[in-house]
PDB file of all heavy atoms in Angstrom:
ATOM      1  N   GLY A   1       0.795  -1.225   0.000  1.00  0.00           N
ATOM      2  CA  GLY A   1       0.000   0.000   0.000  1.00  0.00           C
ATOM      3  C   GLY A   1       0.822   1.267   0.000  1.00  0.00           C
ATOM      4  O   GLY A   1       0.259   2.365   0.120  1.00  0.00           O
ATOM      5  N   GLY A   2       2.159   1.161  -0.144  1.00  0.00           N
ATOM      6  CA  GLY A   2       3.015   2.338  -0.157  1.00  0.00           C
ATOM      7  C   GLY A   2       2.982   3.069  -1.489  1.00  0.00           C
ATOM      8  O   GLY A   2       2.360   2.614  -2.458  1.00  0.00           O
ATOM      9  N   CYS A   3       3.670   4.201  -1.532  1.00  0.00           N
ATOM     10  CA  CYS A   3       3.630   5.048  -2.728  1.00  0.00           C
ATOM     11  C   CYS A   3       5.018   5.358  -3.280  1.00  0.00           C
ATOM     12  O   CYS A   3       5.177   6.294  -4.072  1.00  0.00           O
ATOM     13  CB  CYS A   3       2.894   6.356  -2.425  1.00  0.00           C
ATOM     14  SG  CYS A   3       3.640   7.323  -1.089  1.00  0.00           S
ATOM     15  N   LEU A   4       6.036   4.583  -2.895  1.00  0.00           N
ATOM     16  CA  LEU A   4       7.384   4.871  -3.375  1.00  0.00           C
ATOM     17  C   LEU A   4       7.496   4.707  -4.883  1.00  0.00           C
ATOM     18  O   LEU A   4       8.322   5.372  -5.522  1.00  0.00           O
ATOM     19  CB  LEU A   4       8.395   3.963  -2.673  1.00  0.00           C
ATOM     20  CG  LEU A   4       8.609   4.227  -1.175  1.00  0.00           C
ATOM     21  CD1 LEU A   4       9.565   3.204  -0.590  1.00  0.00           C
ATOM     22  CD2 LEU A   4       9.147   5.637  -0.953  1.00  0.00           C
ATOM     23  N   HIS A   5       6.687   3.823  -5.472  1.00  0.00           N
ATOM     24  CA  HIS A   5       6.761   3.611  -6.926  1.00  0.00           C
ATOM     25  C   HIS A   5       6.392   4.863  -7.706  1.00  0.00           C
ATOM     26  O   HIS A   5       6.746   4.993  -8.883  1.00  0.00           O
ATOM     27  CB  HIS A   5       5.847   2.445  -7.335  1.00  0.00           C
ATOM     28  CG  HIS A   5       4.393   2.716  -7.078  1.00  0.00           C
ATOM     29  ND1 HIS A   5       3.845   2.633  -5.816  1.00  0.00           N
ATOM     30  CD2 HIS A   5       3.388   3.075  -7.919  1.00  0.00           C
ATOM     31  CE1 HIS A   5       2.544   2.919  -5.890  1.00  0.00           C
ATOM     32  NE2 HIS A   5       2.254   3.197  -7.136  1.00  0.00           N
ATOM     33  N   LEU A   6       5.703   5.794  -7.073  1.00  0.00           N
ATOM     34  CA  LEU A   6       5.319   7.026  -7.759  1.00  0.00           C
ATOM     35  C   LEU A   6       6.517   7.924  -8.015  1.00  0.00           C
ATOM     36  O   LEU A   6       6.437   8.863  -8.810  1.00  0.00           O
ATOM     37  CB  LEU A   6       4.270   7.779  -6.937  1.00  0.00           C
ATOM     38  CG  LEU A   6       2.947   7.032  -6.709  1.00  0.00           C
ATOM     39  CD1 LEU A   6       2.003   7.866  -5.866  1.00  0.00           C
ATOM     40  CD2 LEU A   6       2.296   6.654  -8.037  1.00  0.00           C
ATOM     41  N   HIS A   7       7.643   7.658  -7.352  1.00  0.00           N
ATOM     42  CA  HIS A   7       8.861   8.439  -7.593  1.00  0.00           C
ATOM     43  C   HIS A   7       9.638   7.922  -8.803  1.00  0.00           C
ATOM     44  O   HIS A   7      10.597   8.568  -9.234  1.00  0.00           O
ATOM     45  CB  HIS A   7       9.767   8.408  -6.361  1.00  0.00           C
ATOM     46  CG  HIS A   7       9.168   9.064  -5.155  1.00  0.00           C
ATOM     47  ND1 HIS A   7       8.853  10.401  -5.118  1.00  0.00           N
ATOM     48  CD2 HIS A   7       8.812   8.557  -3.949  1.00  0.00           C
ATOM     49  CE1 HIS A   7       8.335  10.701  -3.933  1.00  0.00           C
ATOM     50  NE2 HIS A   7       8.296   9.596  -3.209  1.00  0.00           N
ATOM     51  N   LEU A   8       9.260   6.764  -9.349  1.00  0.00           N
ATOM     52  CA  LEU A   8       9.932   6.234 -10.532  1.00  0.00           C
ATOM     53  C   LEU A   8       9.445   6.969 -11.771  1.00  0.00           C
ATOM     54  O   LEU A   8       8.333   7.517 -11.799  1.00  0.00           O
ATOM     55  CB  LEU A   8       9.674   4.728 -10.665  1.00  0.00           C
ATOM     56  CG  LEU A   8      10.162   3.856  -9.502  1.00  0.00           C
ATOM     57  CD1 LEU A   8       9.796   2.394  -9.750  1.00  0.00           C
ATOM     58  CD2 LEU A   8      11.666   3.996  -9.319  1.00  0.00           C
ATOM     59  N   ARG A   9      10.283   6.953 -12.812  1.00  0.00           N
ATOM     60  CA  ARG A   9       9.965   7.707 -14.021  1.00  0.00           C
ATOM     61  C   ARG A   9       8.584   7.412 -14.557  1.00  0.00           C
ATOM     62  O   ARG A   9       7.800   8.309 -14.842  1.00  0.00           O
ATOM     63  CB  ARG A   9      11.014   7.390 -15.105  1.00  0.00           C
ATOM     64  CG  ARG A   9      12.303   8.166 -15.013  1.00  0.00           C
ATOM     65  CD  ARG A   9      12.131   9.607 -15.456  1.00  0.00           C
ATOM     66  NE  ARG A   9      11.428   9.733 -16.715  1.00  0.00           N
ATOM     67  CZ  ARG A   9      11.965   9.581 -17.903  1.00  0.00           C
ATOM     68  NH1 ARG A   9      13.239   9.269 -18.011  1.00  0.00           N
ATOM     69  NH2 ARG A   9      11.255   9.734 -18.995  1.00  0.00           N
ATOM     70  N   ARG A  10       8.271   6.136 -14.761  1.00  0.00           N
ATOM     71  CA  ARG A  10       7.000   5.763 -15.365  1.00  0.00           C
ATOM     72  C   ARG A  10       6.043   5.130 -14.362  1.00  0.00           C
ATOM     73  O   ARG A  10       5.079   4.484 -14.758  1.00  0.00           O
ATOM     74  CB  ARG A  10       7.238   4.811 -16.539  1.00  0.00           C
ATOM     75  CG  ARG A  10       8.119   5.422 -17.622  1.00  0.00           C
ATOM     76  CD  ARG A  10       8.206   4.518 -18.843  1.00  0.00           C
ATOM     77  NE  ARG A  10       9.115   5.042 -19.829  1.00  0.00           N
ATOM     78  CZ  ARG A  10       8.801   5.998 -20.712  1.00  0.00           C
ATOM     79  NH1 ARG A  10       7.594   6.527 -20.684  1.00  0.00           N
ATOM     80  NH2 ARG A  10       9.693   6.421 -21.585  1.00  0.00           N
ATOM     81  N   HIS A  11       6.337   5.286 -13.084  1.00  0.00           N
ATOM     82  CA  HIS A  11       5.486   4.740 -12.025  1.00  0.00           C
ATOM     83  C   HIS A  11       5.257   3.243 -12.203  1.00  0.00           C
ATOM     84  O   HIS A  11       4.214   2.707 -11.831  1.00  0.00           O
ATOM     85  CB  HIS A  11       4.131   5.457 -11.988  1.00  0.00           C
ATOM     86  CG  HIS A  11       4.237   6.931 -11.761  1.00  0.00           C
ATOM     87  ND1 HIS A  11       3.159   7.788 -11.822  1.00  0.00           N
ATOM     88  CD2 HIS A  11       5.320   7.724 -11.469  1.00  0.00           C
ATOM     89  CE1 HIS A  11       3.563   9.021 -11.581  1.00  0.00           C
ATOM     90  NE2 HIS A  11       4.873   9.003 -11.373  1.00  0.00           N
ATOM     91  N   GLY A  12       6.236   2.564 -12.825  1.00  0.00           N
ATOM     92  CA  GLY A  12       6.124   1.130 -13.025  1.00  0.00           C
ATOM     93  C   GLY A  12       5.368   0.733 -14.270  1.00  0.00           C
ATOM     94  O   GLY A  12       5.216  -0.454 -14.553  1.00  0.00           O
ATOM     95  N   ARG A  13       4.894   1.718 -15.049  1.00  0.00           N
ATOM     96  CA  ARG A  13       4.141   1.410 -16.271  1.00  0.00           C
ATOM     97  C   ARG A  13       5.073   1.346 -17.468  1.00  0.00           C
ATOM     98  O   ARG A  13       6.084   2.045 -17.523  1.00  0.00           O
ATOM     99  CB  ARG A  13       3.068   2.473 -16.516  1.00  0.00           C
ATOM    100  CG  ARG A  13       2.026   2.581 -15.428  1.00  0.00           C
ATOM    101  CD  ARG A  13       0.909   3.494 -15.878  1.00  0.00           C
ATOM    102  NE  ARG A  13       1.409   4.826 -16.160  1.00  0.00           N
ATOM    103  CZ  ARG A  13       1.430   5.817 -15.287  1.00  0.00           C
ATOM    104  NH1 ARG A  13       1.011   5.607 -14.051  1.00  0.00           N
ATOM    105  NH2 ARG A  13       1.887   7.011 -15.609  1.00  0.00           N
ATOM    106  N   ARG A  14       4.696   0.535 -18.442  1.00  0.00           N
ATOM    107  CA  ARG A  14       5.444   0.461 -19.691  1.00  0.00           C
ATOM    108  C   ARG A  14       5.008   1.598 -20.611  1.00  0.00           C
ATOM    109  O   ARG A  14       3.846   1.990 -20.617  1.00  0.00           O
ATOM    110  CB  ARG A  14       5.219  -0.885 -20.388  1.00  0.00           C
ATOM    111  CG  ARG A  14       5.828  -2.059 -19.632  1.00  0.00           C
ATOM    112  CD  ARG A  14       5.640  -3.332 -20.427  1.00  0.00           C
ATOM    113  NE  ARG A  14       6.266  -4.467 -19.771  1.00  0.00           N
ATOM    114  CZ  ARG A  14       7.526  -4.814 -19.929  1.00  0.00           C
ATOM    115  NH1 ARG A  14       8.295  -4.092 -20.717  1.00  0.00           N
ATOM    116  NH2 ARG A  14       8.026  -5.847 -19.296  1.00  0.00           N
ATOM    117  N   PRO A  15       5.941   2.132 -21.427  1.00  0.00           N
ATOM    118  CA  PRO A  15       5.553   3.194 -22.363  1.00  0.00           C
ATOM    119  C   PRO A  15       4.586   2.682 -23.411  1.00  0.00           C
ATOM    120  O   PRO A  15       4.637   1.524 -23.809  1.00  0.00           O
ATOM    121  CB  PRO A  15       6.895   3.608 -22.998  1.00  0.00           C
ATOM    122  CG  PRO A  15       7.786   2.430 -22.820  1.00  0.00           C
ATOM    123  CD  PRO A  15       7.366   1.784 -21.529  1.00  0.00           C
ATOM    124  N   LYS A  16       3.675   3.553 -23.824  1.00  0.00           N
ATOM    125  CA  LYS A  16       2.664   3.182 -24.821  1.00  0.00           C
ATOM    126  C   LYS A  16       3.075   3.696 -26.195  1.00  0.00           C
ATOM    127  O   LYS A  16       3.783   4.686 -26.336  1.00  0.00           O
ATOM    128  CB  LYS A  16       1.302   3.768 -24.436  1.00  0.00           C
ATOM    129  CG  LYS A  16       0.755   3.240 -23.119  1.00  0.00           C
ATOM    130  CD  LYS A  16      -0.590   3.864 -22.823  1.00  0.00           C
ATOM    131  CE  LYS A  16      -1.151   3.357 -21.496  1.00  0.00           C
ATOM    132  NZ  LYS A  16      -2.451   3.980 -21.177  1.00  0.00           N
ATOM    133  N   TRP A  17       2.615   3.017 -27.227  1.00  0.00           N
ATOM    134  CA  TRP A  17       2.869   3.433 -28.601  1.00  0.00           C
ATOM    135  C   TRP A  17       1.555   3.884 -29.213  1.00  0.00           C
ATOM    136  O   TRP A  17       0.592   3.133 -29.276  1.00  0.00           O
ATOM    137  CB  TRP A  17       3.452   2.273 -29.407  1.00  0.00           C
ATOM    138  CG  TRP A  17       3.498   2.535 -30.888  1.00  0.00           C
ATOM    139  CD1 TRP A  17       2.745   1.960 -31.843  1.00  0.00           C
ATOM    140  CD2 TRP A  17       4.353   3.467 -31.559  1.00  0.00           C
ATOM    141  NE1 TRP A  17       3.057   2.461 -33.073  1.00  0.00           N
ATOM    142  CE2 TRP A  17       4.049   3.384 -32.931  1.00  0.00           C
ATOM    143  CE3 TRP A  17       5.328   4.347 -31.127  1.00  0.00           C
ATOM    144  CZ2 TRP A  17       4.698   4.169 -33.875  1.00  0.00           C
ATOM    145  CZ3 TRP A  17       5.977   5.125 -32.076  1.00  0.00           C
ATOM    146  CH2 TRP A  17       5.664   5.020 -33.423  1.00  0.00           C
ATOM    147  N   PHE A  18       1.487   5.124 -29.614  1.00  0.00           N
ATOM    148  CA  PHE A  18       0.254   5.686 -30.133  1.00  0.00           C
ATOM    149  C   PHE A  18       0.264   5.814 -31.652  1.00  0.00           C
ATOM    150  O   PHE A  18      -0.695   6.287 -32.236  1.00  0.00           O
ATOM    151  CB  PHE A  18      -0.005   7.066 -29.514  1.00  0.00           C
ATOM    152  CG  PHE A  18      -0.221   7.029 -28.029  1.00  0.00           C
ATOM    153  CD1 PHE A  18       0.812   7.312 -27.157  1.00  0.00           C
ATOM    154  CD2 PHE A  18      -1.449   6.696 -27.511  1.00  0.00           C
ATOM    155  CE1 PHE A  18       0.613   7.283 -25.794  1.00  0.00           C
ATOM    156  CE2 PHE A  18      -1.665   6.657 -26.144  1.00  0.00           C
ATOM    157  CZ  PHE A  18      -0.636   6.951 -25.290  1.00  0.00           C
ATOM    158  N   GLY A  19       1.352   5.439 -32.301  1.00  0.00           N
ATOM    159  CA  GLY A  19       1.413   5.564 -33.739  1.00  0.00           C
ATOM    160  C   GLY A  19       1.742   6.984 -34.166  1.00  0.00           C
ATOM    161  O   GLY A  19       2.007   7.869 -33.355  1.00  0.00           O
ATOM    162  N   MET A  20       1.718   7.223 -35.461  1.00  0.00           N
ATOM    163  CA  MET A  20       2.081   8.531 -35.997  1.00  0.00           C
ATOM    164  C   MET A  20       0.863   9.446 -36.082  1.00  0.00           C
ATOM    165  O   MET A  20      -0.252   9.005 -36.368  1.00  0.00           O
ATOM    166  CB  MET A  20       2.678   8.393 -37.403  1.00  0.00           C
ATOM    167  CG  MET A  20       4.094   7.852 -37.412  1.00  0.00           C
ATOM    168  SD  MET A  20       4.798   7.935 -39.065  1.00  0.00           S
ATOM    169  CE  MET A  20       6.478   7.416 -38.716  1.00  0.00           C
ATOM    170  N   ALA A  21       1.098  10.709 -35.829  1.00  0.00           N
ATOM    171  CA  ALA A  21       0.050  11.695 -36.008  1.00  0.00           C
ATOM    172  C   ALA A  21      -0.058  12.044 -37.491  1.00  0.00           C
ATOM    173  O   ALA A  21       0.888  11.858 -38.258  1.00  0.00           O
ATOM    174  CB  ALA A  21       0.382  12.945 -35.200  1.00  0.00           C
ATOM    175  N   PRO A  22      -1.212  12.527 -37.931  1.00  0.00           N
ATOM    176  CA  PRO A  22      -1.344  12.914 -39.340  1.00  0.00           C
ATOM    177  C   PRO A  22      -0.416  14.069 -39.668  1.00  0.00           C
ATOM    178  O   PRO A  22      -0.098  14.901 -38.811  1.00  0.00           O
ATOM    179  CB  PRO A  22      -2.815  13.334 -39.449  1.00  0.00           C
ATOM    180  CG  PRO A  22      -3.223  13.664 -38.051  1.00  0.00           C
ATOM    181  CD  PRO A  22      -2.444  12.741 -37.175  1.00  0.00           C
ATOM    182  N   ALA A  23       0.064  14.091 -40.899  1.00  0.00           N
ATOM    183  CA  ALA A  23       0.993  15.136 -41.326  1.00  0.00           C
ATOM    184  C   ALA A  23       0.334  16.506 -41.252  1.00  0.00           C
ATOM    185  O   ALA A  23      -0.855  16.666 -41.521  1.00  0.00           O
ATOM    186  CB  ALA A  23       1.466  14.850 -42.755  1.00  0.00           C
ATOM    187  N   MET A  24       1.091  17.514 -40.859  1.00  0.00           N
ATOM    188  CA  MET A  24       0.590  18.883 -40.757  1.00  0.00           C
ATOM    189  C   MET A  24       1.262  19.747 -41.814  1.00  0.00           C
ATOM    190  O   MET A  24       2.451  19.604 -42.084  1.00  0.00           O
ATOM    191  CB  MET A  24       0.876  19.453 -39.359  1.00  0.00           C
ATOM    192  CG  MET A  24       0.228  18.672 -38.234  1.00  0.00           C
ATOM    193  SD  MET A  24       0.633  19.339 -36.611  1.00  0.00           S
ATOM    194  CE  MET A  24      -0.100  20.958 -36.730  1.00  0.00           C
ATOM    195  N   ASP A  25       0.474  20.595 -42.399  1.00  0.00           N
ATOM    196  CA  ASP A  25       0.990  21.467 -43.459  1.00  0.00           C
ATOM    197  C   ASP A  25       1.511  22.759 -42.834  1.00  0.00           C
ATOM    198  O   ASP A  25       0.823  23.764 -42.760  1.00  0.00           O
ATOM    199  CB  ASP A  25      -0.129  21.757 -44.469  1.00  0.00           C
ATOM    200  CG  ASP A  25       0.389  22.546 -45.659  1.00  0.00           C
ATOM    201  OD1 ASP A  25       1.615  22.544 -45.860  1.00  0.00           O
ATOM    202  OD2 ASP A  25      -0.423  23.161 -46.364  1.00  0.00           O
ATOM    203  N   ILE A  26       2.743  22.697 -42.329  1.00  0.00           N
ATOM    204  CA  ILE A  26       3.377  23.862 -41.711  1.00  0.00           C
ATOM    205  C   ILE A  26       4.584  24.236 -42.572  1.00  0.00           C
ATOM    206  O   ILE A  26       5.499  23.437 -42.738  1.00  0.00           O
ATOM    207  CB  ILE A  26       3.811  23.568 -40.270  1.00  0.00           C
ATOM    208  CG1 ILE A  26       2.594  23.228 -39.408  1.00  0.00           C
ATOM    209  CG2 ILE A  26       4.577  24.743 -39.688  1.00  0.00           C
ATOM    210  CD1 ILE A  26       2.938  22.842 -37.997  1.00  0.00           C
ATOM    211  N   ARG A  27       4.534  25.418 -43.109  1.00  0.00           N
ATOM    212  CA  ARG A  27       5.622  25.877 -43.977  1.00  0.00           C
ATOM    213  C   ARG A  27       6.530  26.809 -43.181  1.00  0.00           C
ATOM    214  O   ARG A  27       6.108  27.862 -42.709  1.00  0.00           O
ATOM    215  CB  ARG A  27       5.062  26.584 -45.209  1.00  0.00           C
ATOM    216  CG  ARG A  27       4.348  25.623 -46.159  1.00  0.00           C
ATOM    217  CD  ARG A  27       3.804  26.357 -47.384  1.00  0.00           C
ATOM    218  NE  ARG A  27       3.295  25.430 -48.378  1.00  0.00           N
ATOM    219  CZ  ARG A  27       2.086  24.890 -48.352  1.00  0.00           C
ATOM    220  NH1 ARG A  27       1.259  25.197 -47.359  1.00  0.00           N
ATOM    221  NH2 ARG A  27       1.681  24.061 -49.290  1.00  0.00           N
ATOM    222  N   ILE A  28       7.789  26.388 -43.027  1.00  0.00           N
ATOM    223  CA  ILE A  28       8.767  27.161 -42.278  1.00  0.00           C
ATOM    224  C   ILE A  28       9.628  27.909 -43.286  1.00  0.00           C
ATOM    225  O   ILE A  28      10.327  27.281 -44.094  1.00  0.00           O
ATOM    226  CB  ILE A  28       9.636  26.246 -41.402  1.00  0.00           C
ATOM    227  CG1 ILE A  28       8.749  25.466 -40.432  1.00  0.00           C
ATOM    228  CG2 ILE A  28      10.689  27.047 -40.650  1.00  0.00           C
ATOM    229  CD1 ILE A  28       9.487  24.410 -39.634  1.00  0.00           C
ATOM    230  N   PRO A  29       9.583  29.225 -43.292  1.00  0.00           N
ATOM    231  CA  PRO A  29      10.355  29.979 -44.297  1.00  0.00           C
ATOM    232  C   PRO A  29      11.854  29.770 -44.131  1.00  0.00           C
ATOM    233  O   PRO A  29      12.384  29.783 -43.021  1.00  0.00           O
ATOM    234  CB  PRO A  29       9.954  31.435 -44.022  1.00  0.00           C
ATOM    235  CG  PRO A  29       9.462  31.440 -42.611  1.00  0.00           C
ATOM    236  CD  PRO A  29       8.838  30.104 -42.381  1.00  0.00           C
ATOM    237  N   HIS A  30      12.522  29.535 -45.276  1.00  0.00           N
ATOM    238  CA  HIS A  30      13.979  29.358 -45.312  1.00  0.00           C
ATOM    239  C   HIS A  30      14.442  28.278 -44.325  1.00  0.00           C
ATOM    240  O   HIS A  30      15.442  28.430 -43.623  1.00  0.00           O
ATOM    241  CB  HIS A  30      14.698  30.683 -45.032  1.00  0.00           C
ATOM    242  CG  HIS A  30      14.282  31.786 -45.956  1.00  0.00           C
ATOM    243  ND1 HIS A  30      13.454  32.817 -45.571  1.00  0.00           N
ATOM    244  CD2 HIS A  30      14.577  32.012 -47.266  1.00  0.00           C
ATOM    245  CE1 HIS A  30      13.248  33.642 -46.584  1.00  0.00           C
ATOM    246  NE2 HIS A  30      13.923  33.170 -47.639  1.00  0.00           N
ATOM    247  N   ARG A  31      13.696  27.203 -44.285  1.00  0.00           N
ATOM    248  CA  ARG A  31      13.977  26.101 -43.370  1.00  0.00           C
ATOM    249  C   ARG A  31      15.315  25.442 -43.707  1.00  0.00           C
ATOM    250  O   ARG A  31      15.605  25.135 -44.856  1.00  0.00           O
ATOM    251  CB  ARG A  31      12.848  25.066 -43.465  1.00  0.00           C
ATOM    252  CG  ARG A  31      13.064  23.787 -42.667  1.00  0.00           C
ATOM    253  CD  ARG A  31      11.920  22.823 -42.938  1.00  0.00           C
ATOM    254  NE  ARG A  31      12.068  21.570 -42.203  1.00  0.00           N
ATOM    255  CZ  ARG A  31      12.785  20.539 -42.612  1.00  0.00           C
ATOM    256  NH1 ARG A  31      13.439  20.612 -43.776  1.00  0.00           N
ATOM    257  NH2 ARG A  31      12.861  19.442 -41.888  1.00  0.00           N
ATOM    258  N   ARG A  32      16.135  25.190 -42.668  1.00  0.00           N
ATOM    259  CA  ARG A  32      17.383  24.449 -42.837  1.00  0.00           C
ATOM    260  C   ARG A  32      17.163  23.017 -42.352  1.00  0.00           C
ATOM    261  O   ARG A  32      16.839  22.803 -41.189  1.00  0.00           O
ATOM    262  CB  ARG A  32      18.521  25.090 -42.041  1.00  0.00           C
ATOM    263  CG  ARG A  32      18.982  26.443 -42.543  1.00  0.00           C
ATOM    264  CD  ARG A  32      20.220  26.879 -41.779  1.00  0.00           C
ATOM    265  NE  ARG A  32      20.649  28.221 -42.139  1.00  0.00           N
ATOM    266  CZ  ARG A  32      20.209  29.323 -41.553  1.00  0.00           C
ATOM    267  NH1 ARG A  32      19.330  29.225 -40.575  1.00  0.00           N
ATOM    268  NH2 ARG A  32      20.646  30.501 -41.939  1.00  0.00           N
ATOM    269  N   ASP A  33      17.342  22.069 -43.234  1.00  0.00           N
ATOM    270  CA  ASP A  33      17.132  20.671 -42.871  1.00  0.00           C
ATOM    271  C   ASP A  33      18.319  20.143 -42.067  1.00  0.00           C
ATOM    272  O   ASP A  33      19.454  20.625 -42.212  1.00  0.00           O
ATOM    273  CB  ASP A  33      16.934  19.820 -44.127  1.00  0.00           C
ATOM    274  CG  ASP A  33      16.470  18.417 -43.785  1.00  0.00           C
ATOM    275  OD1 ASP A  33      15.288  18.255 -43.450  1.00  0.00           O
ATOM    276  OD2 ASP A  33      17.300  17.486 -43.853  1.00  0.00           O
ATOM    277  N   ILE A  34      18.064  19.144 -41.258  1.00  0.00           N
ATOM    278  CA  ILE A  34      19.116  18.565 -40.413  1.00  0.00           C
ATOM    279  C   ILE A  34      20.237  17.955 -41.260  1.00  0.00           C
ATOM    280  O   ILE A  34      21.370  17.825 -40.799  1.00  0.00           O
ATOM    281  CB  ILE A  34      18.519  17.512 -39.456  1.00  0.00           C
ATOM    282  CG1 ILE A  34      19.530  17.130 -38.372  1.00  0.00           C
ATOM    283  CG2 ILE A  34      18.020  16.296 -40.222  1.00  0.00           C
ATOM    284  CD1 ILE A  34      18.963  16.228 -37.301  1.00  0.00           C
ATOM    285  N   SER A  35      19.921  17.602 -42.503  1.00  0.00           N
ATOM    286  CA  SER A  35      20.964  17.058 -43.381  1.00  0.00           C
ATOM    287  C   SER A  35      22.039  18.091 -43.694  1.00  0.00           C
ATOM    288  O   SER A  35      23.146  17.740 -44.093  1.00  0.00           O
ATOM    289  CB  SER A  35      20.332  16.547 -44.679  1.00  0.00           C
ATOM    290  OG  SER A  35      19.668  17.602 -45.362  1.00  0.00           O
ATOM    291  N   GLU A  36      21.732  19.380 -43.532  1.00  0.00           N
ATOM    292  CA  GLU A  36      22.698  20.440 -43.765  1.00  0.00           C
ATOM    293  C   GLU A  36      23.547  20.728 -42.523  1.00  0.00           C
ATOM    294  O   GLU A  36      24.517  21.484 -42.594  1.00  0.00           O
ATOM    295  CB  GLU A  36      21.968  21.725 -44.181  1.00  0.00           C
ATOM    296  CG  GLU A  36      21.062  21.560 -45.401  1.00  0.00           C
ATOM    297  CD  GLU A  36      20.254  22.814 -45.672  1.00  0.00           C
ATOM    298  OE1 GLU A  36      20.761  23.921 -45.371  1.00  0.00           O
ATOM    299  OE2 GLU A  36      19.109  22.708 -46.141  1.00  0.00           O
ATOM    300  N   ARG A  37      23.196  20.142 -41.412  1.00  0.00           N
ATOM    301  CA  ARG A  37      23.909  20.397 -40.159  1.00  0.00           C
ATOM    302  C   ARG A  37      25.310  19.800 -40.221  1.00  0.00           C
ATOM    303  O   ARG A  37      25.508  18.714 -40.771  1.00  0.00           O
ATOM    304  CB  ARG A  37      23.119  19.783 -38.989  1.00  0.00           C
ATOM    305  CG  ARG A  37      23.567  20.214 -37.623  1.00  0.00           C
ATOM    306  CD  ARG A  37      22.691  19.595 -36.545  1.00  0.00           C
ATOM    307  NE  ARG A  37      22.852  18.140 -36.490  1.00  0.00           N
ATOM    308  CZ  ARG A  37      22.244  17.361 -35.592  1.00  0.00           C
ATOM    309  NH1 ARG A  37      21.416  17.907 -34.710  1.00  0.00           N
ATOM    310  NH2 ARG A  37      22.445  16.057 -35.587  1.00  0.00           N
ATOM    311  N   PRO A  38      26.325  20.474 -39.654  1.00  0.00           N
ATOM    312  CA  PRO A  38      27.695  19.935 -39.681  1.00  0.00           C
ATOM    313  C   PRO A  38      27.756  18.534 -39.075  1.00  0.00           C
ATOM    314  O   PRO A  38      27.131  18.255 -38.049  1.00  0.00           O
ATOM    315  CB  PRO A  38      28.482  20.948 -38.831  1.00  0.00           C
ATOM    316  CG  PRO A  38      27.697  22.213 -38.931  1.00  0.00           C
ATOM    317  CD  PRO A  38      26.263  21.807 -39.025  1.00  0.00           C
ATOM    318  N   LYS A  39      28.518  17.659 -39.705  1.00  0.00           N
ATOM    319  CA  LYS A  39      28.600  16.259 -39.261  1.00  0.00           C
ATOM    320  C   LYS A  39      29.223  16.131 -37.878  1.00  0.00           C
ATOM    321  O   LYS A  39      28.988  15.150 -37.179  1.00  0.00           O
ATOM    322  CB  LYS A  39      29.407  15.446 -40.274  1.00  0.00           C
ATOM    323  CG  LYS A  39      28.805  15.426 -41.675  1.00  0.00           C
ATOM    324  CD  LYS A  39      27.379  14.892 -41.660  1.00  0.00           C
ATOM    325  CE  LYS A  39      26.784  14.871 -43.070  1.00  0.00           C
ATOM    326  NZ  LYS A  39      25.361  14.435 -43.061  1.00  0.00           N
ATOM    327  N   ILE A  40      30.013  17.107 -37.462  1.00  0.00           N
ATOM    328  CA  ILE A  40      30.651  17.021 -36.145  1.00  0.00           C
ATOM    329  C   ILE A  40      29.622  17.000 -35.024  1.00  0.00           C
ATOM    330  O   ILE A  40      29.890  16.491 -33.925  1.00  0.00           O
ATOM    331  CB  ILE A  40      31.643  18.195 -35.961  1.00  0.00           C
ATOM    332  CG1 ILE A  40      32.500  17.962 -34.716  1.00  0.00           C
ATOM    333  CG2 ILE A  40      30.909  19.525 -35.889  1.00  0.00           C
ATOM    334  CD1 ILE A  40      33.574  19.005 -34.510  1.00  0.00           C
ATOM    335  N   VAL A  41      28.428  17.544 -35.284  1.00  0.00           N
ATOM    336  CA  VAL A  41      27.387  17.555 -34.251  1.00  0.00           C
ATOM    337  C   VAL A  41      27.005  16.129 -33.865  1.00  0.00           C
ATOM    338  O   VAL A  41      26.719  15.837 -32.701  1.00  0.00           O
ATOM    339  CB  VAL A  41      26.160  18.340 -34.743  1.00  0.00           C
ATOM    340  CG1 VAL A  41      25.064  18.335 -33.681  1.00  0.00           C
ATOM    341  CG2 VAL A  41      26.549  19.771 -35.097  1.00  0.00           C
ATOM    342  N   ASP A  42      27.025  15.210 -34.833  1.00  0.00           N
ATOM    343  CA  ASP A  42      26.633  13.824 -34.572  1.00  0.00           C
ATOM    344  C   ASP A  42      27.647  13.080 -33.708  1.00  0.00           C
ATOM    345  O   ASP A  42      27.336  12.002 -33.200  1.00  0.00           O
ATOM    346  CB  ASP A  42      26.452  13.070 -35.892  1.00  0.00           C
ATOM    347  CG  ASP A  42      25.324  13.652 -36.730  1.00  0.00           C
ATOM    348  OD1 ASP A  42      24.331  14.107 -36.128  1.00  0.00           O
ATOM    349  OD2 ASP A  42      25.443  13.660 -37.966  1.00  0.00           O
ATOM    350  N   LYS A  43      28.841  13.650 -33.543  1.00  0.00           N
ATOM    351  CA  LYS A  43      29.881  12.951 -32.777  1.00  0.00           C
ATOM    352  C   LYS A  43      29.809  13.235 -31.283  1.00  0.00           C
ATOM    353  O   LYS A  43      30.508  12.592 -30.500  1.00  0.00           O
ATOM    354  CB  LYS A  43      31.252  13.344 -33.311  1.00  0.00           C
ATOM    355  CG  LYS A  43      31.480  12.914 -34.761  1.00  0.00           C
ATOM    356  CD  LYS A  43      32.876  13.291 -35.240  1.00  0.00           C
ATOM    357  CE  LYS A  43      33.092  12.837 -36.680  1.00  0.00           C
ATOM    358  NZ  LYS A  43      34.454  13.192 -37.164  1.00  0.00           N
ATOM    359  N   TRP A  44      28.992  14.200 -30.856  1.00  0.00           N
ATOM    360  CA  TRP A  44      28.808  14.493 -29.433  1.00  0.00           C
ATOM    361  C   TRP A  44      30.143  14.784 -28.736  1.00  0.00           C
ATOM    362  O   TRP A  44      30.385  14.340 -27.615  1.00  0.00           O
ATOM    363  CB  TRP A  44      28.109  13.343 -28.716  1.00  0.00           C
ATOM    364  CG  TRP A  44      26.775  12.956 -29.263  1.00  0.00           C
ATOM    365  CD1 TRP A  44      26.549  12.261 -30.400  1.00  0.00           C
ATOM    366  CD2 TRP A  44      25.487  13.247 -28.702  1.00  0.00           C
ATOM    367  NE1 TRP A  44      25.204  12.081 -30.593  1.00  0.00           N
ATOM    368  CE2 TRP A  44      24.528  12.672 -29.561  1.00  0.00           C
ATOM    369  CE3 TRP A  44      25.065  13.900 -27.558  1.00  0.00           C
ATOM    370  CZ2 TRP A  44      23.162  12.759 -29.311  1.00  0.00           C
ATOM    371  CZ3 TRP A  44      23.702  13.985 -27.311  1.00  0.00           C
ATOM    372  CH2 TRP A  44      22.775  13.428 -28.171  1.00  0.00           C
TER     373      TRP A  44
END
C-alpha cells in the first residue's frame, strides 16, 4: 500500500505506442534541414 513507486519515471508502467500523427501542413520559411547540419554535431 506504499507510494514509493510514484517516484519512478514511469510509475512502473510500460511506455505506450500511439502511432504517428497525421501530417501537418506547416511551412517554415527558409527552413534548414538537419541534413545540412555539420557532421561534427553527430559525434557528441
